[in-house]
Amino acid sequence: MVNSSTHQAGSSKVLVPKADFYTSDESLLILVEMAGVSKDDVQVTLEKGRLLVESQDSTGGGSLRRRAFRIPEDYDTAKTAATVERGVVRLHIPKRPEAKTVRIPVNAA
């Protein structure tokens, strides 16, 4: 996982959660560690190739967890799927068909 960190923004803390990235010829998978969150606590937004994942602390501590990612143009961000399970936000972004690896057969001459 990419390490987490903490920043002060005015009177509240902004926590930057850990994230893992996995790529294949088909898609990009991003796992963001946000312990204790439910699907109702998390907001995922996408604007101009920037994916933002955030959650406000519902316990009254006032901290905000936020992580932003720049998504390469090879990925079809309109088809991004987000799920939450056991405190991990899972973002699945498929590759555009034209960006996928194509195998070219080699024939004998």
PDB file of N, CA and C in Angstrom:
ATOM      1  N   MET A   1       0.836  -1.182   0.000  1.00  0.00           N
ATOM      2  CA  MET A   1       0.000   0.000   0.000  1.00  0.00           C
ATOM      3  C   MET A   1       0.876   1.240   0.000  1.00  0.00           C
ATOM      4  N   VAL A   2       0.417   2.252  -0.703  1.00  0.00           N
ATOM      5  CA  VAL A   2       1.065   3.547  -0.647  1.00  0.00           C
ATOM      6  C   VAL A   2       0.727   4.122   0.716  1.00  0.00           C
ATOM      7  N   ASN A   3       1.701   4.647   1.432  1.00  0.00           N
ATOM      8  CA  ASN A   3       1.523   5.081   2.811  1.00  0.00           C
ATOM      9  C   ASN A   3       0.464   6.151   2.984  1.00  0.00           C
ATOM     10  N   SER A   4      -0.086   6.185   4.200  1.00  0.00           N
ATOM     11  CA  SER A   4      -1.047   7.217   4.551  1.00  0.00           C
ATOM     12  C   SER A   4      -0.314   8.370   5.225  1.00  0.00           C
ATOM     13  N   SER A   5      -0.982   9.527   5.309  1.00  0.00           N
ATOM     14  CA  SER A   5      -0.409  10.677   5.994  1.00  0.00           C
ATOM     15  C   SER A   5      -1.538  11.534   6.531  1.00  0.00           C
ATOM     16  N   THR A   6      -1.182  12.547   7.317  1.00  0.00           N
ATOM     17  CA  THR A   6      -2.155  13.449   7.909  1.00  0.00           C
ATOM     18  C   THR A   6      -1.761  14.879   7.606  1.00  0.00           C
ATOM     19  N   HIS A   7      -2.749  15.704   7.282  1.00  0.00           N
ATOM     20  CA  HIS A   7      -2.542  17.129   7.024  1.00  0.00           C
ATOM     21  C   HIS A   7      -3.552  17.918   7.832  1.00  0.00           C
ATOM     22  N   GLN A   8      -3.195  19.130   8.219  1.00  0.00           N
ATOM     23  CA  GLN A   8      -4.115  20.010   8.936  1.00  0.00           C
ATOM     24  C   GLN A   8      -4.742  20.977   7.940  1.00  0.00           C
ATOM     25  N   ALA A   9      -6.062  21.057   7.905  1.00  0.00           N
ATOM     26  CA  ALA A   9      -6.774  21.976   7.014  1.00  0.00           C
ATOM     27  C   ALA A   9      -7.738  22.787   7.868  1.00  0.00           C
ATOM     28  N   GLY A  10      -7.314  23.952   8.293  1.00  0.00           N
ATOM     29  CA  GLY A  10      -8.137  24.762   9.178  1.00  0.00           C
ATOM     30  C   GLY A  10      -8.233  24.094  10.531  1.00  0.00           C
ATOM     31  N   SER A  11      -9.463  23.894  11.019  1.00  0.00           N
ATOM     32  CA  SER A  11      -9.653  23.307  12.338  1.00  0.00           C
ATOM     33  C   SER A  11      -9.805  21.790  12.308  1.00  0.00           C
ATOM     34  N   SER A  12      -9.837  21.185  11.122  1.00  0.00           N
ATOM     35  CA  SER A  12     -10.001  19.737  11.052  1.00  0.00           C
ATOM     36  C   SER A  12      -8.804  19.069  10.389  1.00  0.00           C
ATOM     37  N   LYS A  13      -8.626  17.800  10.716  1.00  0.00           N
ATOM     38  CA  LYS A  13      -7.547  17.007  10.138  1.00  0.00           C
ATOM     39  C   LYS A  13      -8.006  16.371   8.840  1.00  0.00           C
ATOM     40  N   VAL A  14      -7.102  16.313   7.868  1.00  0.00           N
ATOM     41  CA  VAL A  14      -7.357  15.589   6.636  1.00  0.00           C
ATOM     42  C   VAL A  14      -6.413  14.401   6.619  1.00  0.00           C
ATOM     43  N   LEU A  15      -6.975  13.219   6.670  1.00  0.00           N
ATOM     44  CA  LEU A  15      -6.186  11.989   6.638  1.00  0.00           C
ATOM     45  C   LEU A  15      -6.101  11.501   5.203  1.00  0.00           C
ATOM     46  N   VAL A  16      -4.918  11.119   4.771  1.00  0.00           N
ATOM     47  CA  VAL A  16      -4.711  10.585   3.426  1.00  0.00           C
ATOM     48  C   VAL A  16      -4.524   9.076   3.576  1.00  0.00           C
ATOM     49  N   PRO A  17      -5.559   8.293   3.238  1.00  0.00           N
ATOM     50  CA  PRO A  17      -5.484   6.849   3.451  1.00  0.00           C
ATOM     51  C   PRO A  17      -4.508   6.147   2.510  1.00  0.00           C
ATOM     52  N   LYS A  18      -4.088   4.963   2.937  1.00  0.00           N
ATOM     53  CA  LYS A  18      -3.220   4.123   2.109  1.00  0.00           C
ATOM     54  C   LYS A  18      -3.990   3.632   0.895  1.00  0.00           C
ATOM     55  N   ALA A  19      -3.249   3.363  -0.201  1.00  0.00           N
ATOM     56  CA  ALA A  19      -3.876   2.852  -1.426  1.00  0.00           C
ATOM     57  C   ALA A  19      -2.948   1.876  -2.123  1.00  0.00           C
ATOM     58  N   ASP A  20      -3.537   0.876  -2.747  1.00  0.00           N
ATOM     59  CA  ASP A  20      -2.819  -0.091  -3.588  1.00  0.00           C
ATOM     60  C   ASP A  20      -3.346   0.041  -5.000  1.00  0.00           C
ATOM     61  N   PHE A  21      -2.471  -0.156  -5.980  1.00  0.00           N
ATOM     62  CA  PHE A  21      -2.837  -0.074  -7.396  1.00  0.00           C
ATOM     63  C   PHE A  21      -2.444  -1.372  -8.083  1.00  0.00           C
ATOM     64  N   TYR A  22      -3.372  -1.919  -8.866  1.00  0.00           N
ATOM     65  CA  TYR A  22      -3.113  -3.138  -9.628  1.00  0.00           C
ATOM     66  C   TYR A  22      -3.563  -2.892 -11.066  1.00  0.00           C
ATOM     67  N   THR A  23      -2.717  -3.228 -12.016  1.00  0.00           N
ATOM     68  CA  THR A  23      -3.081  -3.055 -13.420  1.00  0.00           C
ATOM     69  C   THR A  23      -2.979  -4.382 -14.153  1.00  0.00           C
ATOM     70  N   SER A  24      -3.781  -4.489 -15.200  1.00  0.00           N
ATOM     71  CA  SER A  24      -3.714  -5.644 -16.091  1.00  0.00           C
ATOM     72  C   SER A  24      -3.973  -5.115 -17.493  1.00  0.00           C
ATOM     73  N   ASP A  25      -3.976  -5.999 -18.468  1.00  0.00           N
ATOM     74  CA  ASP A  25      -4.303  -5.587 -19.834  1.00  0.00           C
ATOM     75  C   ASP A  25      -5.764  -5.139 -19.947  1.00  0.00           C
ATOM     76  N   GLU A  26      -6.582  -5.508 -18.974  1.00  0.00           N
ATOM     77  CA  GLU A  26      -8.012  -5.230 -19.032  1.00  0.00           C
ATOM     78  C   GLU A  26      -8.460  -4.033 -18.196  1.00  0.00           C
ATOM     79  N   SER A  27      -7.783  -3.778 -17.058  1.00  0.00           N
ATOM     80  CA  SER A  27      -8.326  -2.769 -16.149  1.00  0.00           C
ATOM     81  C   SER A  27      -7.304  -2.266 -15.132  1.00  0.00           C
ATOM     82  N   LEU A  28      -7.751  -1.283 -14.372  1.00  0.00           N
ATOM     83  CA  LEU A  28      -7.012  -0.728 -13.239  1.00  0.00           C
ATOM     84  C   LEU A  28      -7.858  -0.975 -11.998  1.00  0.00           C
ATOM     85  N   LEU A  29      -7.235  -1.469 -10.943  1.00  0.00           N
ATOM     86  CA  LEU A  29      -7.911  -1.703  -9.677  1.00  0.00           C
ATOM     87  C   LEU A  29      -7.193  -0.868  -8.621  1.00  0.00           C
ATOM     88  N   ILE A  30      -7.956  -0.038  -7.904  1.00  0.00           N
ATOM     89  CA  ILE A  30      -7.407   0.777  -6.824  1.00  0.00           C
ATOM     90  C   ILE A  30      -8.120   0.371  -5.539  1.00  0.00           C
ATOM     91  N   LEU A  31      -7.354   0.037  -4.501  1.00  0.00           N
ATOM     92  CA  LEU A  31      -7.902  -0.300  -3.194  1.00  0.00           C
ATOM     93  C   LEU A  31      -7.491   0.797  -2.222  1.00  0.00           C
ATOM     94  N   VAL A  32      -8.470   1.442  -1.588  1.00  0.00           N
ATOM     95  CA  VAL A  32      -8.208   2.535  -0.659  1.00  0.00           C
ATOM     96  C   VAL A  32      -8.651   2.091   0.734  1.00  0.00           C
ATOM     97  N   GLU A  33      -7.718   2.126   1.685  1.00  0.00           N
ATOM     98  CA  GLU A  33      -7.969   1.666   3.042  1.00  0.00           C
ATOM     99  C   GLU A  33      -8.658   2.768   3.854  1.00  0.00           C
ATOM    100  N   MET A  34      -9.937   2.541   4.204  1.00  0.00           N
ATOM    101  CA  MET A  34     -10.720   3.511   4.983  1.00  0.00           C
ATOM    102  C   MET A  34     -11.479   2.764   6.067  1.00  0.00           C
ATOM    103  N   ALA A  35     -10.762   2.299   7.069  1.00  0.00           N
ATOM    104  CA  ALA A  35     -11.336   1.466   8.121  1.00  0.00           C
ATOM    105  C   ALA A  35     -12.573   2.092   8.737  1.00  0.00           C
ATOM    106  N   GLY A  36     -13.589   1.260   8.915  1.00  0.00           N
ATOM    107  CA  GLY A  36     -14.797   1.674   9.599  1.00  0.00           C
ATOM    108  C   GLY A  36     -15.848   2.363   8.746  1.00  0.00           C
ATOM    109  N   VAL A  37     -15.603   2.549   7.458  1.00  0.00           N
ATOM    110  CA  VAL A  37     -16.590   3.242   6.629  1.00  0.00           C
ATOM    111  C   VAL A  37     -17.601   2.264   6.046  1.00  0.00           C
ATOM    112  N   SER A  38     -18.792   2.791   5.793  1.00  0.00           N
ATOM    113  CA  SER A  38     -19.806   2.029   5.077  1.00  0.00           C
ATOM    114  C   SER A  38     -20.027   2.719   3.742  1.00  0.00           C
ATOM    115  N   LYS A  39     -20.835   2.126   2.893  1.00  0.00           N
ATOM    116  CA  LYS A  39     -21.067   2.724   1.571  1.00  0.00           C
ATOM    117  C   LYS A  39     -21.708   4.103   1.681  1.00  0.00           C
ATOM    118  N   ASP A  40     -22.462   4.347   2.737  1.00  0.00           N
ATOM    119  CA  ASP A  40     -23.106   5.645   2.926  1.00  0.00           C
ATOM    120  C   ASP A  40     -22.132   6.730   3.381  1.00  0.00           C
ATOM    121  N   ASP A  41     -20.974   6.329   3.907  1.00  0.00           N
ATOM    122  CA  ASP A  41     -19.970   7.277   4.400  1.00  0.00           C
ATOM    123  C   ASP A  41     -19.022   7.769   3.311  1.00  0.00           C
ATOM    124  N   VAL A  42     -18.965   7.046   2.192  1.00  0.00           N
ATOM    125  CA  VAL A  42     -17.954   7.318   1.170  1.00  0.00           C
ATOM    126  C   VAL A  42     -18.557   8.055  -0.017  1.00  0.00           C
ATOM    127  N   GLN A  43     -17.810   9.037  -0.511  1.00  0.00           N
ATOM    128  CA  GLN A  43     -18.183   9.727  -1.744  1.00  0.00           C
ATOM    129  C   GLN A  43     -17.053   9.533  -2.740  1.00  0.00           C
ATOM    130  N   VAL A  44     -17.410   9.135  -3.950  1.00  0.00           N
ATOM    131  CA  VAL A  44     -16.444   8.977  -5.030  1.00  0.00           C
ATOM    132  C   VAL A  44     -16.897   9.890  -6.164  1.00  0.00           C
ATOM    133  N   THR A  45     -16.018  10.782  -6.589  1.00  0.00           N
ATOM    134  CA  THR A  45     -16.347  11.688  -7.689  1.00  0.00           C
ATOM    135  C   THR A  45     -15.242  11.641  -8.729  1.00  0.00           C
ATOM    136  N   LEU A  46     -15.621  11.938  -9.944  1.00  0.00           N
ATOM    137  CA  LEU A  46     -14.683  11.929 -11.052  1.00  0.00           C
ATOM    138  C   LEU A  46     -14.914  13.176 -11.882  1.00  0.00           C
ATOM    139  N   GLU A  47     -13.843  13.942 -12.084  1.00  0.00           N
ATOM    140  CA  GLU A  47     -13.956  15.155 -12.881  1.00  0.00           C
ATOM    141  C   GLU A  47     -12.648  15.393 -13.622  1.00  0.00           C
ATOM    142  N   LYS A  48     -12.749  15.466 -14.950  1.00  0.00           N
ATOM    143  CA  LYS A  48     -11.606  15.771 -15.816  1.00  0.00           C
ATOM    144  C   LYS A  48     -10.400  14.866 -15.530  1.00  0.00           C
ATOM    145  N   GLY A  49     -10.674  13.567 -15.411  1.00  0.00           N
ATOM    146  CA  GLY A  49      -9.599  12.596 -15.213  1.00  0.00           C
ATOM    147  C   GLY A  49      -9.070  12.511 -13.793  1.00  0.00           C
ATOM    148  N   ARG A  50      -9.686  13.228 -12.852  1.00  0.00           N
ATOM    149  CA  ARG A  50      -9.264  13.204 -11.446  1.00  0.00           C
ATOM    150  C   ARG A  50     -10.321  12.480 -10.626  1.00  0.00           C
ATOM    151  N   LEU A  51      -9.925  11.388 -10.001  1.00  0.00           N
ATOM    152  CA  LEU A  51     -10.816  10.579  -9.187  1.00  0.00           C
ATOM    153  C   LEU A  51     -10.579  10.952  -7.727  1.00  0.00           C
ATOM    154  N   LEU A  52     -11.641  11.299  -7.011  1.00  0.00           N
ATOM    155  CA  LEU A  52     -11.542  11.702  -5.615  1.00  0.00           C
ATOM    156  C   LEU A  52     -12.371  10.765  -4.760  1.00  0.00           C
ATOM    157  N   VAL A  53     -11.746  10.215  -3.713  1.00  0.00           N
ATOM    158  CA  VAL A  53     -12.414   9.335  -2.761  1.00  0.00           C
ATOM    159  C   VAL A  53     -12.320  10.013  -1.398  1.00  0.00           C
ATOM    160  N   GLU A  54     -13.477  10.230  -0.754  1.00  0.00           N
ATOM    161  CA  GLU A  54     -13.429  10.889   0.551  1.00  0.00           C
ATOM    162  C   GLU A  54     -14.518  10.386   1.475  1.00  0.00           C
ATOM    163  N   SER A  55     -14.256  10.552   2.772  1.00  0.00           N
ATOM    164  CA  SER A  55     -15.188  10.141   3.806  1.00  0.00           C
ATOM    165  C   SER A  55     -15.016  11.062   5.009  1.00  0.00           C
ATOM    166  N   GLN A  56     -16.128  11.556   5.531  1.00  0.00           N
ATOM    167  CA  GLN A  56     -16.106  12.392   6.737  1.00  0.00           C
ATOM    168  C   GLN A  56     -16.244  11.490   7.948  1.00  0.00           C
ATOM    169  N   ASP A  57     -15.475  11.752   8.992  1.00  0.00           N
ATOM    170  CA  ASP A  57     -15.540  10.973  10.231  1.00  0.00           C
ATOM    171  C   ASP A  57     -16.910  11.183  10.869  1.00  0.00           C
ATOM    172  N   SER A  58     -17.679  10.109  10.986  1.00  0.00           N
ATOM    173  CA  SER A  58     -19.031  10.212  11.542  1.00  0.00           C
ATOM    174  C   SER A  58     -19.049  10.125  13.065  1.00  0.00           C
ATOM    175  N   THR A  59     -17.899   9.938  13.709  1.00  0.00           N
ATOM    176  CA  THR A  59     -17.851   9.820  15.166  1.00  0.00           C
ATOM    177  C   THR A  59     -17.755  11.175  15.851  1.00  0.00           C
ATOM    178  N   GLY A  60     -17.725  12.260  15.069  1.00  0.00           N
ATOM    179  CA  GLY A  60     -17.656  13.586  15.665  1.00  0.00           C
ATOM    180  C   GLY A  60     -16.245  14.109  15.819  1.00  0.00           C
ATOM    181  N   GLY A  61     -15.254  13.338  15.393  1.00  0.00           N
ATOM    182  CA  GLY A  61     -13.864  13.766  15.500  1.00  0.00           C
ATOM    183  C   GLY A  61     -13.504  14.862  14.516  1.00  0.00           C
ATOM    184  N   GLY A  62     -14.314  15.036  13.496  1.00  0.00           N
ATOM    185  CA  GLY A  62     -14.099  16.107  12.542  1.00  0.00           C
ATOM    186  C   GLY A  62     -13.053  15.838  11.485  1.00  0.00           C
ATOM    187  N   SER A  63     -12.468  14.655  11.477  1.00  0.00           N
ATOM    188  CA  SER A  63     -11.439  14.389  10.472  1.00  0.00           C
ATOM    189  C   SER A  63     -12.067  13.956   9.151  1.00  0.00           C
ATOM    190  N   LEU A  64     -11.396  14.311   8.095  1.00  0.00           N
ATOM    191  CA  LEU A  64     -11.825  13.984   6.741  1.00  0.00           C
ATOM    192  C   LEU A  64     -10.763  13.084   6.133  1.00  0.00           C
ATOM    193  N   ARG A  65     -11.191  11.970   5.555  1.00  0.00           N
ATOM    194  CA  ARG A  65     -10.263  11.097   4.822  1.00  0.00           C
ATOM    195  C   ARG A  65     -10.447  11.381   3.350  1.00  0.00           C
ATOM    196  N   ARG A  66      -9.339  11.686   2.673  1.00  0.00           N
ATOM    197  CA  ARG A  66      -9.427  12.072   1.262  1.00  0.00           C
ATOM    198  C   ARG A  66      -8.214  11.549   0.517  1.00  0.00           C
ATOM    199  N   ARG A  67      -8.495  11.008  -0.686  1.00  0.00           N
ATOM    200  CA  ARG A  67      -7.426  10.530  -1.557  1.00  0.00           C
ATOM    201  C   ARG A  67      -7.827  10.860  -2.989  1.00  0.00           C
ATOM    202  N   ALA A  68      -6.905  11.446  -3.749  1.00  0.00           N
ATOM    203  CA  ALA A  68      -7.174  11.814  -5.141  1.00  0.00           C
ATOM    204  C   ALA A  68      -6.180  11.112  -6.051  1.00  0.00           C
ATOM    205  N   PHE A  69      -6.657  10.755  -7.242  1.00  0.00           N
ATOM    206  CA  PHE A  69      -5.833  10.055  -8.223  1.00  0.00           C
ATOM    207  C   PHE A  69      -6.070  10.663  -9.597  1.00  0.00           C
ATOM    208  N   ARG A  70      -5.029  10.765 -10.378  1.00  0.00           N
ATOM    209  CA  ARG A  70      -5.145  11.170 -11.784  1.00  0.00           C
ATOM    210  C   ARG A  70      -5.225   9.876 -12.580  1.00  0.00           C
ATOM    211  N   ILE A  71      -6.297   9.711 -13.353  1.00  0.00           N
ATOM    212  CA  ILE A  71      -6.513   8.482 -14.119  1.00  0.00           C
ATOM    213  C   ILE A  71      -6.065   8.715 -15.561  1.00  0.00           C
ATOM    214  N   PRO A  72      -5.166   7.871 -16.083  1.00  0.00           N
ATOM    215  CA  PRO A  72      -4.699   8.025 -17.467  1.00  0.00           C
ATOM    216  C   PRO A  72      -5.842   7.884 -18.476  1.00  0.00           C
ATOM    217  N   GLU A  73      -5.673   8.480 -19.627  1.00  0.00           N
ATOM    218  CA  GLU A  73      -6.707   8.462 -20.666  1.00  0.00           C
ATOM    219  C   GLU A  73      -6.958   7.078 -21.248  1.00  0.00           C
ATOM    220  N   ASP A  74      -6.085   6.115 -20.983  1.00  0.00           N
ATOM    221  CA  ASP A  74      -6.274   4.740 -21.467  1.00  0.00           C
ATOM    222  C   ASP A  74      -7.478   4.052 -20.823  1.00  0.00           C
ATOM    223  N   TYR A  75      -8.011   4.633 -19.755  1.00  0.00           N
ATOM    224  CA  TYR A  75      -9.077   3.989 -18.995  1.00  0.00           C
ATOM    225  C   TYR A  75     -10.424   4.649 -19.246  1.00  0.00           C
ATOM    226  N   ASP A  76     -11.476   3.832 -19.260  1.00  0.00           N
ATOM    227  CA  ASP A  76     -12.837   4.293 -19.507  1.00  0.00           C
ATOM    228  C   ASP A  76     -13.471   4.675 -18.169  1.00  0.00           C
ATOM    229  N   THR A  77     -13.221   5.900 -17.734  1.00  0.00           N
ATOM    230  CA  THR A  77     -13.666   6.334 -16.411  1.00  0.00           C
ATOM    231  C   THR A  77     -15.185   6.355 -16.266  1.00  0.00           C
ATOM    232  N   ALA A  78     -15.908   6.449 -17.369  1.00  0.00           N
ATOM    233  CA  ALA A  78     -17.372   6.423 -17.310  1.00  0.00           C
ATOM    234  C   ALA A  78     -17.890   5.073 -16.818  1.00  0.00           C
ATOM    235  N   LYS A  79     -17.069   4.055 -16.891  1.00  0.00           N
ATOM    236  CA  LYS A  79     -17.465   2.711 -16.457  1.00  0.00           C
ATOM    237  C   LYS A  79     -16.839   2.318 -15.115  1.00  0.00           C
ATOM    238  N   THR A  80     -16.401   3.314 -14.343  1.00  0.00           N
ATOM    239  CA  THR A  80     -15.804   3.050 -13.035  1.00  0.00           C
ATOM    240  C   THR A  80     -16.845   2.462 -12.088  1.00  0.00           C
ATOM    241  N   ALA A  81     -16.460   1.401 -11.384  1.00  0.00           N
ATOM    242  CA  ALA A  81     -17.335   0.780 -10.386  1.00  0.00           C
ATOM    243  C   ALA A  81     -16.664   0.912  -9.025  1.00  0.00           C
ATOM    244  N   ALA A  82     -17.437   1.271  -8.003  1.00  0.00           N
ATOM    245  CA  ALA A  82     -16.906   1.429  -6.651  1.00  0.00           C
ATOM    246  C   ALA A  82     -17.718   0.580  -5.675  1.00  0.00           C
ATOM    247  N   THR A  83     -17.016  -0.140  -4.805  1.00  0.00           N
ATOM    248  CA  THR A  83     -17.652  -0.922  -3.753  1.00  0.00           C
ATOM    249  C   THR A  83     -16.871  -0.710  -2.456  1.00  0.00           C
ATOM    250  N   VAL A  84     -17.532  -0.997  -1.338  1.00  0.00           N
ATOM    251  CA  VAL A  84     -16.888  -0.929  -0.028  1.00  0.00           C
ATOM    252  C   VAL A  84     -17.112  -2.254   0.665  1.00  0.00           C
ATOM    253  N   GLU A  85     -16.022  -2.823   1.184  1.00  0.00           N
ATOM    254  CA  GLU A  85     -16.129  -4.065   1.936  1.00  0.00           C
ATOM    255  C   GLU A  85     -15.052  -4.077   3.006  1.00  0.00           C
ATOM    256  N   ARG A  86     -15.472  -4.256   4.255  1.00  0.00           N
ATOM    257  CA  ARG A  86     -14.566  -4.333   5.405  1.00  0.00           C
ATOM    258  C   ARG A  86     -13.559  -3.179   5.446  1.00  0.00           C
ATOM    259  N   GLY A  87     -14.033  -1.964   5.208  1.00  0.00           N
ATOM    260  CA  GLY A  87     -13.188  -0.790   5.331  1.00  0.00           C
ATOM    261  C   GLY A  87     -12.252  -0.531   4.168  1.00  0.00           C
ATOM    262  N   VAL A  88     -12.468  -1.231   3.062  1.00  0.00           N
ATOM    263  CA  VAL A  88     -11.646  -1.017   1.869  1.00  0.00           C
ATOM    264  C   VAL A  88     -12.560  -0.588   0.719  1.00  0.00           C
ATOM    265  N   VAL A  89     -12.249   0.578   0.156  1.00  0.00           N
ATOM    266  CA  VAL A  89     -12.980   1.051  -1.020  1.00  0.00           C
ATOM    267  C   VAL A  89     -12.272   0.469  -2.234  1.00  0.00           C
ATOM    268  N   ARG A  90     -13.026  -0.237  -3.055  1.00  0.00           N
ATOM    269  CA  ARG A  90     -12.484  -0.916  -4.238  1.00  0.00           C
ATOM    270  C   ARG A  90     -12.996  -0.196  -5.479  1.00  0.00           C
ATOM    271  N   LEU A  91     -12.070   0.333  -6.274  1.00  0.00           N
ATOM    272  CA  LEU A  91     -12.415   1.051  -7.503  1.00  0.00           C
ATOM    273  C   LEU A  91     -11.895   0.259  -8.693  1.00  0.00           C
ATOM    274  N   HIS A  92     -12.797  -0.132  -9.567  1.00  0.00           N
ATOM    275  CA  HIS A  92     -12.434  -0.911 -10.748  1.00  0.00           C
ATOM    276  C   HIS A  92     -12.695  -0.051 -11.976  1.00  0.00           C
ATOM    277  N   ILE A  93     -11.650   0.194 -12.778  1.00  0.00           N
ATOM    278  CA  ILE A  93     -11.771   1.045 -13.958  1.00  0.00           C
ATOM    279  C   ILE A  93     -11.275   0.251 -15.168  1.00  0.00           C
ATOM    280  N   PRO A  94     -12.181  -0.094 -16.101  1.00  0.00           N
ATOM    281  CA  PRO A  94     -11.754  -0.872 -17.267  1.00  0.00           C
ATOM    282  C   PRO A  94     -10.961  -0.023 -18.257  1.00  0.00           C
ATOM    283  N   LYS A  95     -10.089  -0.702 -19.005  1.00  0.00           N
ATOM    284  CA  LYS A  95      -9.345  -0.022 -20.070  1.00  0.00           C
ATOM    285  C   LYS A  95     -10.255   0.198 -21.265  1.00  0.00           C
ATOM    286  N   ARG A  96      -9.998   1.267 -22.001  1.00  0.00           N
ATOM    287  CA  ARG A  96     -10.714   1.494 -23.253  1.00  0.00           C
ATOM    288  C   ARG A  96     -10.301   0.379 -24.225  1.00  0.00           C
ATOM    289  N   PRO A  97     -11.214  -0.091 -25.063  1.00  0.00           N
ATOM    290  CA  PRO A  97     -10.874  -1.173 -25.994  1.00  0.00           C
ATOM    291  C   PRO A  97      -9.651  -0.865 -26.856  1.00  0.00           C
ATOM    292  N   GLU A  98      -9.531   0.368 -27.321  1.00  0.00           N
ATOM    293  CA  GLU A  98      -8.400   0.721 -28.190  1.00  0.00           C
ATOM    294  C   GLU A  98      -7.067   0.784 -27.433  1.00  0.00           C
ATOM    295  N   ALA A  99      -7.107   0.770 -26.098  1.00  0.00           N
ATOM    296  CA  ALA A  99      -5.869   0.836 -25.310  1.00  0.00           C
ATOM    297  C   ALA A  99      -5.390  -0.542 -24.857  1.00  0.00           C
ATOM    298  N   LYS A 100      -6.207  -1.565 -25.086  1.00  0.00           N
ATOM    299  CA  LYS A 100      -5.838  -2.916 -24.663  1.00  0.00           C
ATOM    300  C   LYS A 100      -4.743  -3.486 -25.556  1.00  0.00           C
ATOM    301  N   THR A 101      -3.949  -4.364 -24.977  1.00  0.00           N
ATOM    302  CA  THR A 101      -2.891  -5.031 -25.719  1.00  0.00           C
ATOM    303  C   THR A 101      -3.504  -5.995 -26.733  1.00  0.00           C
ATOM    304  N   VAL A 102      -3.004  -5.939 -27.943  1.00  0.00           N
ATOM    305  CA  VAL A 102      -3.480  -6.827 -29.000  1.00  0.00           C
ATOM    306  C   VAL A 102      -2.327  -7.748 -29.393  1.00  0.00           C
ATOM    307  N   ARG A 103      -2.576  -9.032 -29.402  1.00  0.00           N
ATOM    308  CA  ARG A 103      -1.558  -9.995 -29.817  1.00  0.00           C
ATOM    309  C   ARG A 103      -1.628 -10.179 -31.320  1.00  0.00           C
ATOM    310  N   ILE A 104      -0.488 -10.083 -31.972  1.00  0.00           N
ATOM    311  CA  ILE A 104      -0.391 -10.231 -33.429  1.00  0.00           C
ATOM    312  C   ILE A 104       0.174 -11.610 -33.721  1.00  0.00           C
ATOM    313  N   PRO A 105      -0.555 -12.439 -34.470  1.00  0.00           N
ATOM    314  CA  PRO A 105      -0.019 -13.767 -34.783  1.00  0.00           C
ATOM    315  C   PRO A 105       1.193 -13.649 -35.705  1.00  0.00           C
ATOM    316  N   VAL A 106       2.161 -14.520 -35.469  1.00  0.00           N
ATOM    317  CA  VAL A 106       3.365 -14.563 -36.303  1.00  0.00           C
ATOM    318  C   VAL A 106       3.268 -15.821 -37.153  1.00  0.00           C
ATOM    319  N   ASN A 107       3.341 -15.654 -38.477  1.00  0.00           N
ATOM    320  CA  ASN A 107       3.255 -16.779 -39.406  1.00  0.00           C
ATOM    321  C   ASN A 107       4.626 -17.077 -39.990  1.00  0.00           C
ATOM    322  N   ALA A 108       4.806 -18.301 -40.384  1.00  0.00           N
ATOM    323  CA  ALA A 108       6.045 -18.678 -41.073  1.00  0.00           C
ATOM    324  C   ALA A 108       5.980 -18.139 -42.502  1.00  0.00           C
ATOM    325  N   ALA A 109       7.145 -17.723 -43.014  1.00  0.00           N
ATOM    326  CA  ALA A 109       7.183 -17.181 -44.372  1.00  0.00           C
ATOM    327  C   ALA A 109       7.233 -18.266 -45.408  1.00  0.00           C
TER     328      ALA A 109
END
